[in-house]
Amino acid sequence: MSTYVYGITTRAHPALPEGMAGVGEPPRPVRVLTAGELAAVVSDAPEDLRPKRRDLLAHQNVLAESGAAGCVLPMRFGSIAPDDDAVTQVLSERADHYQERLRELDGKIEYNVKATHVEEAVLHMVMAENAGMRELAEANRRAGGGSYDDKIRLGEMVAAAVKAKEAEDAAEVRRLLTPAAAAISVGPESTGWLVNVSFLVARDTAEDFLAAVEEVRKSHPHLDLRVNGPLPPYSFVEPGPAEPAGTTAGADAGAH
């Protein structure tokens, strides 16, 4: 029977609530495996596990309940080991790493920030900032739209200016929000997002971080900022030793 892993914590972590159930239909009973000073919150793994809403919520619920009493390193949904022995072997082999992560992440949560441009507002900005583009656009307008080549040239100039603005705004968002975080983790680039960054934030300073996000929203109305959180610190399980704010690690990294 494969073993489903929800998270890793210390052996001294308070006992889990009695009767806690996890993923699967019917839900598998949650239990604890120990090795040295560490423990893993696990259950038997269902066959053919899929990211259905019921199981995603069950995974999150186990992490929320087990993490209420102290720090738990969250594993991503679908973290499965061949058996219990494989889990305890990893705990033993990576004990120093997991203990360091537990110390670093204690009392901290994650916020993921994504941003896109408000297209019309950004087009107005780049045109206002570039006299050459304005002159070409006006010349095309006076010529009834301009020649094919002039249209292509204007389009290329606008696309290049927007791309440069994306890089500029991405750096600016990180610069403004990083001081309010303990560490950052830059996510993979994907079409549509000019910013995809996770911020590790002390739970007792979360309001300060969210206030910083609101300031960015007010000062950069051409950006559409989306914040997801608070989350378990998924993006910070693997980095080690502790990374100070301003460094980066893969935001989709997760222990397996």
Protein backbone atom coordinates (compact mmCIF):
# COMPACT_ATOMS: atom_id res chain seq x y z
CA MET A 1 0.00 0.00 0.00
CA SER A 2 1.45 3.38 -1.03
CA THR A 3 1.69 6.14 1.56
CA TYR A 4 0.23 9.60 1.00
CA VAL A 5 2.26 12.39 2.68
CA TYR A 6 0.56 15.61 3.82
CA GLY A 7 3.38 17.25 5.70
CA ILE A 8 6.46 16.98 7.89
CA THR A 9 6.78 18.24 11.44
CA THR A 10 8.69 17.57 14.64
CA ARG A 11 8.28 14.46 16.75
CA ALA A 12 7.29 16.77 19.63
CA HIS A 13 4.37 18.23 17.64
CA PRO A 14 1.08 17.95 19.57
CA ALA A 15 -1.06 14.92 18.76
CA LEU A 16 -3.46 15.24 15.83
CA PRO A 17 -7.19 15.59 16.47
CA GLU A 18 -8.73 12.17 17.01
CA GLY A 19 -10.43 10.67 13.98
CA MET A 20 -8.84 13.00 11.43
CA ALA A 21 -9.45 11.77 7.88
CA GLY A 22 -7.68 12.62 4.66
CA VAL A 23 -7.93 11.95 0.95
CA GLY A 24 -9.82 9.09 -0.65
CA GLU A 25 -13.36 7.78 -0.84
CA PRO A 26 -13.97 6.71 1.83
CA PRO A 27 -11.48 9.12 3.44
CA ARG A 28 -8.32 7.37 4.69
CA PRO A 29 -7.49 7.75 8.41
CA VAL A 30 -4.59 10.14 9.03
CA ARG A 31 -1.68 8.87 11.11
CA VAL A 32 1.85 9.88 12.08
CA LEU A 33 5.19 8.25 11.22
CA THR A 34 8.30 9.15 13.21
CA ALA A 35 12.04 8.98 12.60
CA GLY A 36 14.47 10.58 15.02
CA GLU A 37 13.24 14.06 15.91
CA LEU A 38 10.91 14.30 12.90
CA ALA A 39 7.43 13.10 12.06
CA ALA A 40 5.36 12.81 8.89
CA VAL A 41 1.60 13.26 8.71
CA VAL A 42 0.37 10.52 6.35
CA SER A 43 -2.44 8.19 5.36
CA ASP A 44 -2.77 5.25 3.02
CA ALA A 45 -2.83 6.49 -0.58
CA PRO A 46 -6.00 5.87 -2.60
CA GLU A 47 -5.63 4.14 -5.93
CA ASP A 48 -5.89 6.37 -9.01
CA LEU A 49 -5.78 9.59 -6.98
CA ARG A 50 -6.94 12.60 -9.01
CA PRO A 51 -7.05 16.30 -8.06
CA LYS A 52 -10.78 16.33 -7.42
CA ARG A 53 -12.25 19.10 -5.31
CA ARG A 54 -13.08 16.71 -2.45
CA ASP A 55 -9.51 15.42 -2.19
CA LEU A 56 -7.91 18.83 -2.67
CA LEU A 57 -10.01 20.16 0.22
CA ALA A 58 -9.17 17.10 2.34
CA HIS A 59 -5.45 17.69 1.76
CA GLN A 60 -5.79 21.35 2.74
CA ASN A 61 -7.88 20.49 5.79
CA VAL A 62 -5.31 18.02 7.13
CA LEU A 63 -2.60 20.66 6.76
CA ALA A 64 -4.77 23.33 8.40
CA GLU A 65 -5.69 21.15 11.39
CA SER A 66 -2.24 19.69 11.91
CA GLY A 67 -0.62 23.10 11.41
CA ALA A 68 -2.86 24.82 13.95
CA ALA A 69 -0.71 23.51 16.82
CA GLY A 70 2.69 24.29 15.29
CA CYS A 71 4.78 24.39 12.15
CA VAL A 72 4.17 21.71 9.50
CA LEU A 73 6.10 21.65 6.23
CA PRO A 74 3.33 21.27 3.64
CA MET A 75 3.72 18.74 0.85
CA ARG A 76 1.99 19.45 -2.44
CA PHE A 77 -1.16 17.53 -3.32
CA GLY A 78 -0.32 14.08 -4.66
CA SER A 79 2.92 13.49 -2.74
CA ILE A 80 3.05 9.70 -2.55
CA ALA A 81 5.78 7.36 -1.29
CA PRO A 82 6.00 3.63 -2.06
CA ASP A 83 5.37 2.74 1.59
CA ASP A 84 5.84 3.87 5.21
CA ASP A 85 9.49 2.75 5.28
CA ALA A 86 10.29 4.99 2.32
CA VAL A 87 8.86 7.98 4.21
CA THR A 88 10.83 7.34 7.39
CA GLN A 89 13.98 6.76 5.33
CA VAL A 90 13.64 10.19 3.72
CA LEU A 91 13.03 11.75 7.14
CA SER A 92 16.26 10.22 8.39
CA GLU A 93 18.32 11.04 5.29
CA ARG A 94 17.16 14.68 5.14
CA ALA A 95 16.78 15.32 8.85
CA ASP A 96 19.08 18.36 8.95
CA HIS A 97 17.32 19.98 6.01
CA TYR A 98 13.80 19.46 7.35
CA GLN A 99 14.75 20.63 10.84
CA GLU A 100 16.26 23.80 9.36
CA ARG A 101 13.11 24.40 7.29
CA LEU A 102 10.86 23.87 10.32
CA ARG A 103 12.85 26.45 12.27
CA GLU A 104 12.81 28.93 9.38
CA LEU A 105 9.12 28.55 8.52
CA ASP A 106 7.73 28.50 12.04
CA GLY A 107 5.10 31.23 12.36
CA LYS A 108 5.23 32.11 8.66
CA ILE A 109 2.71 31.92 5.83
CA GLU A 110 2.83 32.37 2.08
CA TYR A 111 1.15 34.88 -0.20
CA ASN A 112 1.31 34.42 -3.95
CA VAL A 113 1.09 37.62 -5.98
CA LYS A 114 0.35 37.62 -9.69
CA ALA A 115 0.04 40.69 -11.89
CA THR A 116 -1.05 41.53 -15.41
CA HIS A 117 -1.29 44.76 -17.33
CA VAL A 118 -4.59 46.56 -17.82
CA GLU A 119 -4.14 46.64 -21.59
CA GLU A 120 -5.76 49.94 -22.50
CA ALA A 121 -4.09 51.81 -19.63
CA VAL A 122 -0.64 50.46 -20.57
CA LEU A 123 -1.10 51.37 -24.24
CA HIS A 124 -1.91 54.94 -23.20
CA MET A 125 1.21 55.00 -20.98
CA VAL A 126 3.66 53.74 -23.60
CA MET A 127 2.27 56.10 -26.22
CA ALA A 128 2.55 59.03 -23.81
CA GLU A 129 6.16 58.13 -23.01
CA ASN A 130 7.32 57.68 -26.63
CA ALA A 131 7.23 60.70 -28.95
CA GLY A 132 8.33 58.62 -31.94
CA MET A 133 5.38 56.26 -31.60
CA ARG A 134 2.96 59.17 -31.19
CA GLU A 135 4.29 60.84 -34.34
CA LEU A 136 4.04 57.63 -36.38
CA ALA A 137 0.54 56.91 -35.08
CA GLU A 138 -0.55 60.45 -35.97
CA ALA A 139 1.04 60.21 -39.41
CA ASN A 140 -0.75 56.92 -40.03
CA ARG A 141 -4.04 58.45 -38.90
CA ARG A 142 -3.63 61.42 -41.26
CA ALA A 143 -2.83 59.01 -44.10
CA GLY A 144 -6.05 57.10 -43.53
CA GLY A 145 -4.37 54.33 -41.57
CA GLY A 146 -0.91 54.40 -43.17
CA SER A 147 0.85 51.94 -45.42
CA TYR A 148 1.18 48.26 -44.60
CA ASP A 149 4.83 48.77 -43.65
CA ASP A 150 4.01 51.74 -41.43
CA LYS A 151 1.31 49.75 -39.65
CA ILE A 152 3.75 46.88 -39.09
CA ARG A 153 6.44 49.26 -37.81
CA LEU A 154 4.03 50.91 -35.38
CA GLY A 155 2.82 47.54 -34.15
CA GLU A 156 6.39 46.37 -33.55
CA MET A 157 7.25 49.57 -31.69
CA VAL A 158 4.18 49.24 -29.44
CA ALA A 159 4.87 45.54 -28.74
CA ALA A 160 8.49 46.28 -27.81
CA ALA A 161 7.47 49.15 -25.54
CA VAL A 162 4.83 47.01 -23.78
CA LYS A 163 7.35 44.19 -23.28
CA ALA A 164 9.85 46.61 -21.78
CA LYS A 165 7.11 47.96 -19.50
CA GLU A 166 6.30 44.43 -18.35
CA ALA A 167 9.91 43.85 -17.26
CA GLU A 168 10.03 47.26 -15.59
CA ASP A 169 6.76 46.71 -13.70
CA ALA A 170 7.72 43.17 -12.64
CA ALA A 171 10.94 44.47 -11.07
CA GLU A 172 9.04 47.34 -9.46
CA VAL A 173 6.42 45.08 -7.83
CA ARG A 174 9.15 42.86 -6.39
CA ARG A 175 11.10 45.89 -5.16
CA LEU A 176 8.09 47.37 -3.39
CA LEU A 177 6.83 44.15 -1.75
CA THR A 178 10.09 42.41 -0.82
CA PRO A 179 10.78 44.61 2.26
CA ALA A 180 7.52 43.35 3.81
CA ALA A 181 8.53 39.68 3.41
CA ALA A 182 11.02 37.32 5.03
CA ALA A 183 11.84 35.65 1.69
CA ILE A 184 10.59 35.45 -1.88
CA SER A 185 10.24 32.64 -4.39
CA VAL A 186 9.84 33.46 -8.07
CA GLY A 187 7.42 31.22 -9.91
CA PRO A 188 7.83 29.91 -13.44
CA GLU A 189 7.12 32.36 -16.25
CA SER A 190 3.78 31.74 -17.88
CA THR A 191 1.80 33.42 -20.62
CA GLY A 192 -0.39 36.18 -19.26
CA TRP A 193 1.45 36.97 -16.01
CA LEU A 194 4.18 39.57 -15.80
CA VAL A 195 4.58 38.81 -12.07
CA ASN A 196 4.26 35.42 -10.38
CA VAL A 197 6.02 35.61 -7.03
CA SER A 198 5.41 33.98 -3.66
CA PHE A 199 6.28 35.90 -0.50
CA LEU A 200 7.07 34.30 2.85
CA VAL A 201 5.50 36.48 5.54
CA ALA A 202 5.52 36.28 9.31
CA ARG A 203 1.95 35.61 10.40
CA ASP A 204 1.96 38.58 12.80
CA THR A 205 3.05 40.99 10.02
CA ALA A 206 0.57 39.78 7.38
CA GLU A 207 -1.46 42.99 7.65
CA ASP A 208 1.65 45.02 6.84
CA PHE A 209 2.28 42.91 3.74
CA LEU A 210 -1.31 43.24 2.53
CA ALA A 211 -1.15 46.99 3.15
CA ALA A 212 1.97 47.12 0.95
CA VAL A 213 0.05 45.30 -1.79
CA GLU A 214 -2.74 47.87 -1.56
CA GLU A 215 -0.21 50.69 -1.88
CA VAL A 216 1.11 49.11 -5.09
CA ARG A 217 -2.46 48.85 -6.39
CA LYS A 218 -3.07 52.54 -5.71
CA SER A 219 0.25 53.74 -7.14
CA HIS A 220 0.12 51.48 -10.21
CA PRO A 221 -3.49 51.53 -11.48
CA HIS A 222 -2.35 50.08 -14.82
CA LEU A 223 -1.60 46.79 -13.01
CA ASP A 224 -4.12 44.10 -12.12
CA LEU A 225 -2.73 42.57 -8.90
CA ARG A 226 -4.12 39.30 -7.57
CA VAL A 227 -3.19 37.92 -4.17
CA ASN A 228 -3.74 34.33 -3.05
CA GLY A 229 -3.26 33.62 0.64
CA PRO A 230 -2.60 33.08 3.38
CA LEU A 231 -1.30 29.69 2.24
CA PRO A 232 0.89 27.06 3.84
CA PRO A 233 4.45 27.92 2.75
CA TYR A 234 4.54 25.43 -0.15
CA SER A 235 7.10 27.42 -2.13
CA PHE A 236 9.63 27.44 0.71
CA VAL A 237 9.79 23.78 1.78
CA GLU A 238 12.77 22.91 -0.38
CA PRO A 239 15.11 25.92 -0.23
CA GLY A 240 17.86 25.58 2.30
CA PRO A 241 19.65 26.91 4.15
CA ALA A 242 17.32 29.80 4.97
CA GLU A 243 17.07 32.28 2.11
CA PRO A 244 16.86 35.97 2.99
CA ALA A 245 14.36 38.23 1.27
CA GLY A 246 15.57 39.14 -2.19
CA THR A 247 16.80 35.69 -3.12
CA THR A 248 14.83 33.36 -5.31
CA ALA A 249 13.90 29.72 -5.43
CA GLY A 250 11.49 27.75 -7.55
CA ALA A 251 8.00 28.67 -6.47
CA ASP A 252 6.64 25.31 -7.49
CA ALA A 253 9.23 23.37 -5.51
CA GLY A 254 7.73 20.86 -3.12
CA ALA A 255 9.08 17.96 -1.15
CA HIS A 256 8.13 14.50 -2.34
